[in-house]
Every structure is written in structure tokens, then in C-alpha cells.
């Protein structure tokens, strides 16, 4: 934004832009490991990176006099890896099925995804919400 008016004063140069990391990256990799009469086996790996970002449009310097500024609730950068091993077109009787072994955040990256700042009225209490921990699963589906 070019202008951020607060009580008639333009404070655009002293306000954080919330939930706007300077950099983010998503990259994926797919590899077919098998393709024959027993079906297709595919590996899919995705990496996602998010640079640090501010949660609230608070002052970057100074603050409200009570020590509150944008850096009180900045989310640190983090990266996660997800993967899937997909066995599709697996013969099952006269039909076919698909088995997917999957994992999310397989590096078990611990990160804060967001904050809630309750402000001075609640003693400056700030709560952080953490990202999902490592999760694994197996999904089966059938087509007929």
C-alpha cells in the first residue's frame, strides 16, 4: 500500500504488511518407478518454503508506547516436505484399485503458523498456533 492513515497521519512507512512473506517457494518432483501389468508406481515429493512474515499491521519501529510492535508477532520462516507413493491401476478382480502411502511434513518441522495478540487489555498475552506435525496415512480407492 502507498498510504496507511492512522488518526489522519500517513504511517505507511512504519507499518507491517501482514501475512505477506517476502519470499515463498514451492517445488515438486514426480518419478514413475514402475509401469507394467501390475499397475503403475509413482513417487511424488513436494517442498514448500515460506519466508518470515508479520501477522498484524503494527508499527515496525516505536509502537504504541507499551512495547508493542510488529516484531512481537512475526512468524519465522519454515519449510515442509510432503510425499506420496502411489500404486495405481492395481488389478483387483475385474476392476482396479489405487493405494497411496502419504506423509505430510515428513521432516517433522515445528513451526508457528499464526499468532493471536490479545493486546494490553489481556496483559499482552500472545498465543501461537503451530503447524501440523508429521502425519502419515494409507488411502485405498477402487474404480469400477
N, C-alpha and C. Protein backbone atom coordinates (compact mmCIF):
# COMPACT_ATOMS: atom_id res chain seq x y z
N UNK A 1 0.83 -1.18 0.00
CA UNK A 1 0.00 0.00 0.00
C UNK A 1 0.87 1.24 0.00
N UNK A 2 0.34 2.30 -0.53
CA UNK A 2 1.07 3.56 -0.60
C UNK A 2 0.72 4.49 0.55
N UNK A 3 -0.46 4.26 1.13
CA UNK A 3 -0.94 5.15 2.18
C UNK A 3 -1.62 4.33 3.26
N UNK A 4 -1.31 4.63 4.52
CA UNK A 4 -1.93 3.98 5.66
C UNK A 4 -2.21 5.09 6.67
N UNK A 5 -3.46 5.53 6.71
CA UNK A 5 -3.82 6.64 7.58
C UNK A 5 -4.23 6.13 8.95
N UNK A 6 -3.61 6.71 9.96
CA UNK A 6 -3.95 6.40 11.34
C UNK A 6 -4.15 7.72 12.06
N UNK A 7 -5.38 7.99 12.44
CA UNK A 7 -5.74 9.26 13.07
C UNK A 7 -5.30 10.45 12.22
N UNK A 8 -5.46 10.31 10.90
CA UNK A 8 -5.14 11.39 9.98
C UNK A 8 -3.69 11.50 9.58
N UNK A 9 -2.83 10.64 10.13
CA UNK A 9 -1.41 10.68 9.80
C UNK A 9 -1.06 9.47 8.94
N UNK A 10 -0.30 9.71 7.87
CA UNK A 10 0.14 8.62 7.00
C UNK A 10 1.32 7.90 7.66
N UNK A 11 1.11 6.65 8.04
CA UNK A 11 2.15 5.86 8.70
C UNK A 11 2.56 4.66 7.84
N UNK A 12 2.36 4.76 6.53
CA UNK A 12 2.63 3.64 5.62
C UNK A 12 4.07 3.14 5.71
N UNK A 13 5.02 4.01 5.94
CA UNK A 13 6.42 3.59 6.02
C UNK A 13 6.78 2.98 7.36
N UNK A 14 5.83 2.94 8.29
CA UNK A 14 6.09 2.37 9.60
C UNK A 14 5.02 1.34 9.97
N UNK A 15 4.55 0.59 8.99
CA UNK A 15 3.56 -0.45 9.27
C UNK A 15 3.95 -1.72 8.53
N UNK A 16 3.73 -2.82 9.20
CA UNK A 16 3.99 -4.12 8.59
C UNK A 16 2.84 -4.50 7.67
N UNK A 17 3.14 -5.19 6.60
CA UNK A 17 2.12 -5.73 5.72
C UNK A 17 1.88 -7.17 6.17
N UNK A 18 0.72 -7.45 6.79
CA UNK A 18 0.51 -8.76 7.40
C UNK A 18 0.34 -9.89 6.39
N UNK A 19 0.79 -11.07 6.81
CA UNK A 19 0.65 -12.31 6.04
C UNK A 19 1.18 -12.17 4.62
N UNK A 20 2.29 -11.47 4.47
CA UNK A 20 2.89 -11.25 3.15
C UNK A 20 4.39 -11.53 3.23
N UNK A 21 4.79 -12.80 3.18
CA UNK A 21 6.22 -13.09 3.21
C UNK A 21 6.91 -12.52 1.98
N UNK A 22 8.15 -12.09 2.16
CA UNK A 22 8.88 -11.54 1.02
C UNK A 22 9.14 -12.62 -0.03
N UNK A 23 9.39 -13.84 0.42
CA UNK A 23 9.66 -14.96 -0.49
C UNK A 23 8.86 -16.18 -0.08
N UNK A 24 8.45 -16.94 -1.06
CA UNK A 24 7.88 -18.26 -0.83
C UNK A 24 8.26 -19.12 -2.02
N UNK A 25 8.32 -20.42 -1.79
CA UNK A 25 8.78 -21.32 -2.83
C UNK A 25 8.03 -22.64 -2.71
N UNK A 26 7.64 -23.16 -3.83
CA UNK A 26 7.06 -24.49 -3.89
C UNK A 26 7.70 -25.23 -5.04
N UNK A 27 8.19 -26.43 -4.76
CA UNK A 27 8.84 -27.22 -5.81
C UNK A 27 8.41 -28.67 -5.64
N UNK A 28 8.21 -29.34 -6.76
CA UNK A 28 7.76 -30.72 -6.72
C UNK A 28 8.58 -31.61 -7.62
N UNK A 29 8.53 -32.89 -7.31
CA UNK A 29 9.27 -33.90 -8.06
C UNK A 29 8.37 -35.11 -8.22
N UNK A 30 8.24 -35.60 -9.44
CA UNK A 30 7.47 -36.82 -9.73
C UNK A 30 8.38 -37.80 -10.45
N UNK A 31 8.29 -39.08 -10.08
CA UNK A 31 9.06 -40.11 -10.75
C UNK A 31 8.21 -41.37 -10.87
N UNK A 32 8.13 -41.90 -12.07
CA UNK A 32 7.47 -43.19 -12.27
C UNK A 32 8.50 -44.28 -12.01
N UNK A 33 8.21 -45.14 -11.04
CA UNK A 33 9.14 -46.18 -10.64
C UNK A 33 8.82 -47.52 -11.30
N UNK A 34 7.56 -47.69 -11.72
CA UNK A 34 7.15 -48.95 -12.32
C UNK A 34 5.91 -48.69 -13.17
N UNK A 35 5.82 -49.38 -14.29
CA UNK A 35 4.63 -49.31 -15.13
C UNK A 35 4.55 -50.62 -15.91
N UNK A 36 3.74 -51.57 -15.41
CA UNK A 36 3.59 -52.87 -16.06
C UNK A 36 2.20 -53.43 -15.80
N UNK A 37 2.02 -54.73 -16.02
CA UNK A 37 0.70 -55.34 -15.84
C UNK A 37 0.22 -55.32 -14.39
N UNK A 38 1.12 -55.07 -13.46
CA UNK A 38 0.75 -54.97 -12.04
C UNK A 38 0.39 -53.55 -11.63
N UNK A 39 0.36 -52.63 -12.58
CA UNK A 39 0.00 -51.25 -12.28
C UNK A 39 1.16 -50.29 -12.44
N UNK A 40 0.94 -49.08 -11.99
CA UNK A 40 1.95 -48.03 -12.06
C UNK A 40 2.31 -47.59 -10.65
N UNK A 41 3.59 -47.40 -10.43
CA UNK A 41 4.08 -46.94 -9.13
C UNK A 41 4.76 -45.59 -9.36
N UNK A 42 4.27 -44.58 -8.65
CA UNK A 42 4.76 -43.21 -8.83
C UNK A 42 5.13 -42.62 -7.48
N UNK A 43 6.23 -41.90 -7.44
CA UNK A 43 6.67 -41.18 -6.25
C UNK A 43 6.49 -39.69 -6.50
N UNK A 44 5.88 -39.01 -5.55
CA UNK A 44 5.66 -37.57 -5.64
C UNK A 44 6.20 -36.94 -4.36
N UNK A 45 7.11 -35.97 -4.50
CA UNK A 45 7.68 -35.27 -3.34
C UNK A 45 7.52 -33.77 -3.58
N UNK A 46 7.00 -33.06 -2.59
CA UNK A 46 6.80 -31.61 -2.68
C UNK A 46 7.49 -30.92 -1.51
N UNK A 47 8.15 -29.81 -1.80
CA UNK A 47 8.76 -28.98 -0.77
C UNK A 47 8.12 -27.60 -0.84
N UNK A 48 7.79 -27.06 0.33
CA UNK A 48 7.18 -25.73 0.41
C UNK A 48 7.95 -24.91 1.44
N UNK A 49 8.34 -23.70 1.03
CA UNK A 49 9.06 -22.79 1.92
C UNK A 49 8.30 -21.48 2.01
N UNK A 50 8.20 -20.95 3.23
CA UNK A 50 7.57 -19.64 3.46
C UNK A 50 8.55 -18.80 4.28
N UNK A 51 8.88 -17.63 3.76
CA UNK A 51 9.76 -16.69 4.45
C UNK A 51 9.03 -16.13 5.67
N UNK A 52 9.77 -15.54 6.60
CA UNK A 52 9.12 -14.96 7.77
C UNK A 52 8.16 -13.84 7.34
N UNK A 53 7.12 -13.66 8.16
CA UNK A 53 6.12 -12.63 7.85
C UNK A 53 5.48 -12.11 9.12
N UNK A 54 4.93 -10.91 9.02
CA UNK A 54 4.24 -10.27 10.13
C UNK A 54 2.79 -10.72 10.15
N UNK A 55 2.21 -10.78 11.34
CA UNK A 55 0.82 -11.20 11.48
C UNK A 55 -0.13 -10.01 11.56
N UNK A 56 0.32 -8.91 12.16
CA UNK A 56 -0.54 -7.73 12.34
C UNK A 56 0.10 -6.49 11.71
N UNK A 57 -0.70 -5.51 11.30
CA UNK A 57 -0.14 -4.28 10.70
C UNK A 57 0.29 -3.27 11.76
N UNK A 58 1.08 -3.75 12.72
CA UNK A 58 1.57 -2.88 13.78
C UNK A 58 2.75 -2.05 13.27
N UNK A 59 3.18 -1.12 14.12
CA UNK A 59 4.35 -0.29 13.80
C UNK A 59 5.60 -1.15 13.72
N UNK A 60 6.46 -0.83 12.76
CA UNK A 60 7.73 -1.54 12.64
C UNK A 60 8.74 -1.04 13.66
N UNK A 61 8.70 0.24 13.95
CA UNK A 61 9.56 0.82 14.98
C UNK A 61 8.68 1.65 15.91
N UNK A 62 9.12 1.77 17.13
CA UNK A 62 8.34 2.55 18.10
C UNK A 62 7.26 1.70 18.72
N UNK A 63 6.10 1.76 18.18
CA UNK A 63 4.98 1.00 18.73
C UNK A 63 4.02 1.91 19.44
N UNK A 64 3.25 1.31 20.30
CA UNK A 64 2.16 2.06 20.96
C UNK A 64 2.57 2.63 22.31
N UNK A 65 3.84 2.56 22.63
CA UNK A 65 4.29 3.05 23.93
C UNK A 65 4.32 1.96 24.97
N UNK A 66 3.63 0.86 24.72
CA UNK A 66 3.63 -0.26 25.66
C UNK A 66 4.55 -1.38 25.22
N UNK A 67 5.40 -1.10 24.25
CA UNK A 67 6.33 -2.10 23.78
C UNK A 67 5.80 -2.98 22.67
N UNK A 68 4.60 -2.69 22.19
CA UNK A 68 4.01 -3.49 21.12
C UNK A 68 4.45 -2.97 19.76
N UNK A 69 4.97 -3.86 18.95
CA UNK A 69 5.26 -3.53 17.56
C UNK A 69 5.12 -4.80 16.73
N UNK A 70 5.33 -4.68 15.44
CA UNK A 70 5.09 -5.79 14.52
C UNK A 70 5.97 -7.00 14.82
N UNK A 71 7.12 -6.79 15.42
CA UNK A 71 8.04 -7.90 15.68
C UNK A 71 7.59 -8.79 16.83
N UNK A 72 6.58 -8.36 17.59
CA UNK A 72 6.05 -9.20 18.67
C UNK A 72 5.35 -10.44 18.13
N UNK A 73 4.84 -10.35 16.92
CA UNK A 73 4.09 -11.47 16.34
C UNK A 73 4.55 -11.76 14.91
N UNK A 74 5.85 -11.91 14.75
CA UNK A 74 6.38 -12.28 13.44
C UNK A 74 6.51 -13.81 13.40
N UNK A 75 6.05 -14.40 12.32
CA UNK A 75 6.18 -15.85 12.12
C UNK A 75 7.52 -16.10 11.45
N UNK A 76 8.33 -16.96 12.05
CA UNK A 76 9.63 -17.29 11.47
C UNK A 76 9.46 -18.13 10.22
N UNK A 77 10.45 -18.07 9.34
CA UNK A 77 10.39 -18.84 8.10
C UNK A 77 10.41 -20.34 8.42
N UNK A 78 9.81 -21.11 7.52
CA UNK A 78 9.78 -22.56 7.70
C UNK A 78 9.63 -23.25 6.34
N UNK A 79 9.99 -24.51 6.32
CA UNK A 79 9.84 -25.32 5.12
C UNK A 79 9.33 -26.70 5.49
N UNK A 80 8.48 -27.25 4.66
CA UNK A 80 7.93 -28.58 4.91
C UNK A 80 8.05 -29.45 3.66
N UNK A 81 8.13 -30.76 3.88
CA UNK A 81 8.21 -31.74 2.80
C UNK A 81 7.04 -32.70 2.93
N UNK A 82 6.32 -32.89 1.83
CA UNK A 82 5.23 -33.86 1.75
C UNK A 82 5.61 -34.89 0.68
N UNK A 83 5.15 -36.13 0.84
CA UNK A 83 5.47 -37.16 -0.14
C UNK A 83 4.31 -38.14 -0.29
N UNK A 84 4.22 -38.72 -1.47
CA UNK A 84 3.23 -39.75 -1.76
C UNK A 84 3.89 -40.84 -2.59
N UNK A 85 3.57 -42.09 -2.27
CA UNK A 85 3.93 -43.23 -3.09
C UNK A 85 2.60 -43.81 -3.57
N UNK A 86 2.35 -43.72 -4.88
CA UNK A 86 1.04 -44.05 -5.43
C UNK A 86 1.15 -45.28 -6.32
N UNK A 87 0.42 -46.33 -5.96
CA UNK A 87 0.34 -47.54 -6.77
C UNK A 87 -1.04 -47.54 -7.40
N UNK A 88 -1.12 -47.18 -8.67
CA UNK A 88 -2.41 -47.08 -9.35
C UNK A 88 -2.57 -48.19 -10.38
N UNK A 89 -3.80 -48.35 -10.86
CA UNK A 89 -4.14 -49.40 -11.83
C UNK A 89 -3.74 -50.78 -11.33
N UNK A 90 -3.84 -50.97 -10.03
CA UNK A 90 -3.52 -52.24 -9.40
C UNK A 90 -4.67 -53.21 -9.66
N UNK A 91 -4.43 -54.33 -10.39
CA UNK A 91 -5.53 -55.27 -10.68
C UNK A 91 -6.16 -55.82 -9.40
N UNK A 92 -7.48 -55.80 -9.39
CA UNK A 92 -8.23 -56.30 -8.24
C UNK A 92 -9.50 -56.95 -8.78
N UNK A 93 -9.45 -58.26 -8.99
CA UNK A 93 -10.58 -58.94 -9.63
C UNK A 93 -10.73 -58.42 -11.06
N UNK A 94 -11.94 -58.04 -11.42
CA UNK A 94 -12.19 -57.46 -12.74
C UNK A 94 -12.04 -55.94 -12.76
N UNK A 95 -11.69 -55.38 -11.63
CA UNK A 95 -11.59 -53.93 -11.50
C UNK A 95 -10.14 -53.54 -11.21
N UNK A 96 -9.94 -52.31 -10.83
CA UNK A 96 -8.61 -51.86 -10.44
C UNK A 96 -8.73 -51.00 -9.19
N UNK A 97 -7.63 -50.91 -8.48
CA UNK A 97 -7.62 -50.08 -7.28
C UNK A 97 -6.35 -49.25 -7.23
N UNK A 98 -6.37 -48.31 -6.32
CA UNK A 98 -5.21 -47.43 -6.13
C UNK A 98 -4.89 -47.38 -4.64
N UNK A 99 -3.63 -47.55 -4.32
CA UNK A 99 -3.14 -47.42 -2.95
C UNK A 99 -2.18 -46.24 -2.90
N UNK A 100 -2.37 -45.38 -1.93
CA UNK A 100 -1.50 -44.22 -1.77
C UNK A 100 -0.97 -44.18 -0.35
N UNK A 101 0.33 -44.34 -0.22
CA UNK A 101 1.00 -44.15 1.07
C UNK A 101 1.50 -42.71 1.06
N UNK A 102 1.07 -41.92 2.04
CA UNK A 102 1.38 -40.50 2.03
C UNK A 102 1.92 -40.04 3.38
N UNK A 103 2.68 -38.97 3.32
CA UNK A 103 3.21 -38.34 4.52
C UNK A 103 3.22 -36.83 4.34
N UNK A 104 2.81 -36.13 5.37
CA UNK A 104 2.82 -34.66 5.34
C UNK A 104 3.79 -34.18 6.42
N UNK A 105 4.54 -33.15 6.08
CA UNK A 105 5.56 -32.61 6.98
C UNK A 105 6.47 -33.73 7.48
N UNK A 106 6.99 -34.52 6.54
CA UNK A 106 7.73 -35.73 6.91
C UNK A 106 9.05 -35.42 7.63
N UNK A 107 9.53 -34.19 7.57
CA UNK A 107 10.70 -33.80 8.35
C UNK A 107 10.33 -33.38 9.76
N UNK A 108 9.05 -33.44 10.10
CA UNK A 108 8.50 -33.04 11.40
C UNK A 108 8.98 -31.65 11.82
N UNK A 109 8.91 -30.71 10.87
CA UNK A 109 9.27 -29.31 11.12
C UNK A 109 8.29 -28.70 12.13
N UNK A 110 8.82 -28.18 13.22
CA UNK A 110 7.98 -27.50 14.20
C UNK A 110 8.00 -26.01 13.90
N UNK A 111 6.83 -25.44 13.67
CA UNK A 111 6.76 -24.02 13.31
C UNK A 111 5.45 -23.43 13.79
N UNK A 112 5.50 -22.13 14.07
CA UNK A 112 4.29 -21.38 14.40
C UNK A 112 3.69 -20.91 13.09
N UNK A 113 2.42 -21.20 12.87
CA UNK A 113 1.74 -20.82 11.63
C UNK A 113 1.03 -19.48 11.75
N UNK A 114 0.65 -19.10 12.97
CA UNK A 114 -0.08 -17.85 13.16
C UNK A 114 -0.06 -17.48 14.64
N UNK A 115 -0.35 -16.24 14.92
CA UNK A 115 -0.46 -15.74 16.30
C UNK A 115 -1.79 -15.02 16.49
N UNK A 116 -2.23 -14.99 17.73
CA UNK A 116 -3.32 -14.11 18.13
C UNK A 116 -2.77 -13.24 19.26
N UNK A 117 -2.80 -11.95 19.05
CA UNK A 117 -2.31 -10.99 20.03
C UNK A 117 -3.53 -10.39 20.74
N UNK A 118 -3.68 -10.70 22.01
CA UNK A 118 -4.83 -10.21 22.77
C UNK A 118 -4.65 -8.78 23.26
N UNK A 119 -3.45 -8.23 23.12
CA UNK A 119 -3.23 -6.83 23.44
C UNK A 119 -3.05 -6.54 24.92
N UNK A 120 -2.91 -5.25 25.20
CA UNK A 120 -2.62 -4.80 26.56
C UNK A 120 -3.75 -5.11 27.53
N UNK A 121 -4.99 -5.15 27.06
CA UNK A 121 -6.13 -5.43 27.93
C UNK A 121 -6.07 -6.81 28.56
N UNK A 122 -5.29 -7.71 27.96
CA UNK A 122 -5.13 -9.06 28.49
C UNK A 122 -3.68 -9.31 28.92
N UNK A 123 -3.02 -8.24 29.33
CA UNK A 123 -1.66 -8.36 29.84
C UNK A 123 -0.63 -8.68 28.76
N UNK A 124 -0.94 -8.35 27.52
CA UNK A 124 0.00 -8.61 26.43
C UNK A 124 0.07 -10.07 26.03
N UNK A 125 -0.95 -10.84 26.39
CA UNK A 125 -0.95 -12.27 26.07
C UNK A 125 -0.97 -12.49 24.56
N UNK A 126 -0.08 -13.35 24.10
CA UNK A 126 0.00 -13.73 22.70
C UNK A 126 0.00 -15.25 22.61
N UNK A 127 -0.88 -15.79 21.80
CA UNK A 127 -0.95 -17.24 21.61
C UNK A 127 -0.48 -17.58 20.21
N UNK A 128 0.30 -18.65 20.11
CA UNK A 128 0.78 -19.13 18.82
C UNK A 128 0.06 -20.41 18.43
N UNK A 129 -0.24 -20.51 17.15
CA UNK A 129 -0.83 -21.73 16.60
C UNK A 129 0.25 -22.44 15.79
N UNK A 130 0.49 -23.68 16.13
CA UNK A 130 1.55 -24.42 15.47
C UNK A 130 1.03 -25.12 14.22
N UNK A 131 1.94 -25.31 13.27
CA UNK A 131 1.62 -26.06 12.06
C UNK A 131 1.42 -27.53 12.38
N UNK A 132 0.85 -28.24 11.45
CA UNK A 132 0.58 -29.66 11.64
C UNK A 132 1.88 -30.45 11.82
N UNK A 133 1.90 -31.39 12.77
CA UNK A 133 3.09 -32.23 12.93
C UNK A 133 3.15 -33.26 11.80
N UNK A 134 4.18 -34.09 11.83
CA UNK A 134 4.29 -35.14 10.83
C UNK A 134 3.04 -36.03 10.87
N UNK A 135 2.52 -36.36 9.71
CA UNK A 135 1.32 -37.18 9.59
C UNK A 135 1.53 -38.18 8.47
N UNK A 136 1.19 -39.44 8.73
CA UNK A 136 1.29 -40.48 7.72
C UNK A 136 -0.06 -41.14 7.54
N UNK A 137 -0.26 -41.74 6.38
CA UNK A 137 -1.51 -42.45 6.16
C UNK A 137 -1.45 -43.33 4.93
N UNK A 138 -2.46 -44.15 4.80
CA UNK A 138 -2.63 -45.01 3.64
C UNK A 138 -4.06 -44.84 3.16
N UNK A 139 -4.22 -44.52 1.89
CA UNK A 139 -5.54 -44.33 1.30
C UNK A 139 -5.72 -45.38 0.22
N UNK A 140 -6.86 -46.05 0.25
CA UNK A 140 -7.19 -47.04 -0.78
C UNK A 140 -8.47 -46.60 -1.48
N UNK A 141 -8.47 -46.71 -2.80
CA UNK A 141 -9.67 -46.40 -3.56
C UNK A 141 -9.81 -47.42 -4.69
N UNK A 142 -11.05 -47.59 -5.12
CA UNK A 142 -11.32 -48.59 -6.14
C UNK A 142 -12.18 -47.99 -7.23
N UNK A 143 -11.88 -48.36 -8.47
CA UNK A 143 -12.67 -47.90 -9.62
C UNK A 143 -13.31 -49.10 -10.29
N UNK A 144 -14.56 -48.92 -10.70
CA UNK A 144 -15.23 -49.99 -11.44
C UNK A 144 -16.15 -49.42 -12.47
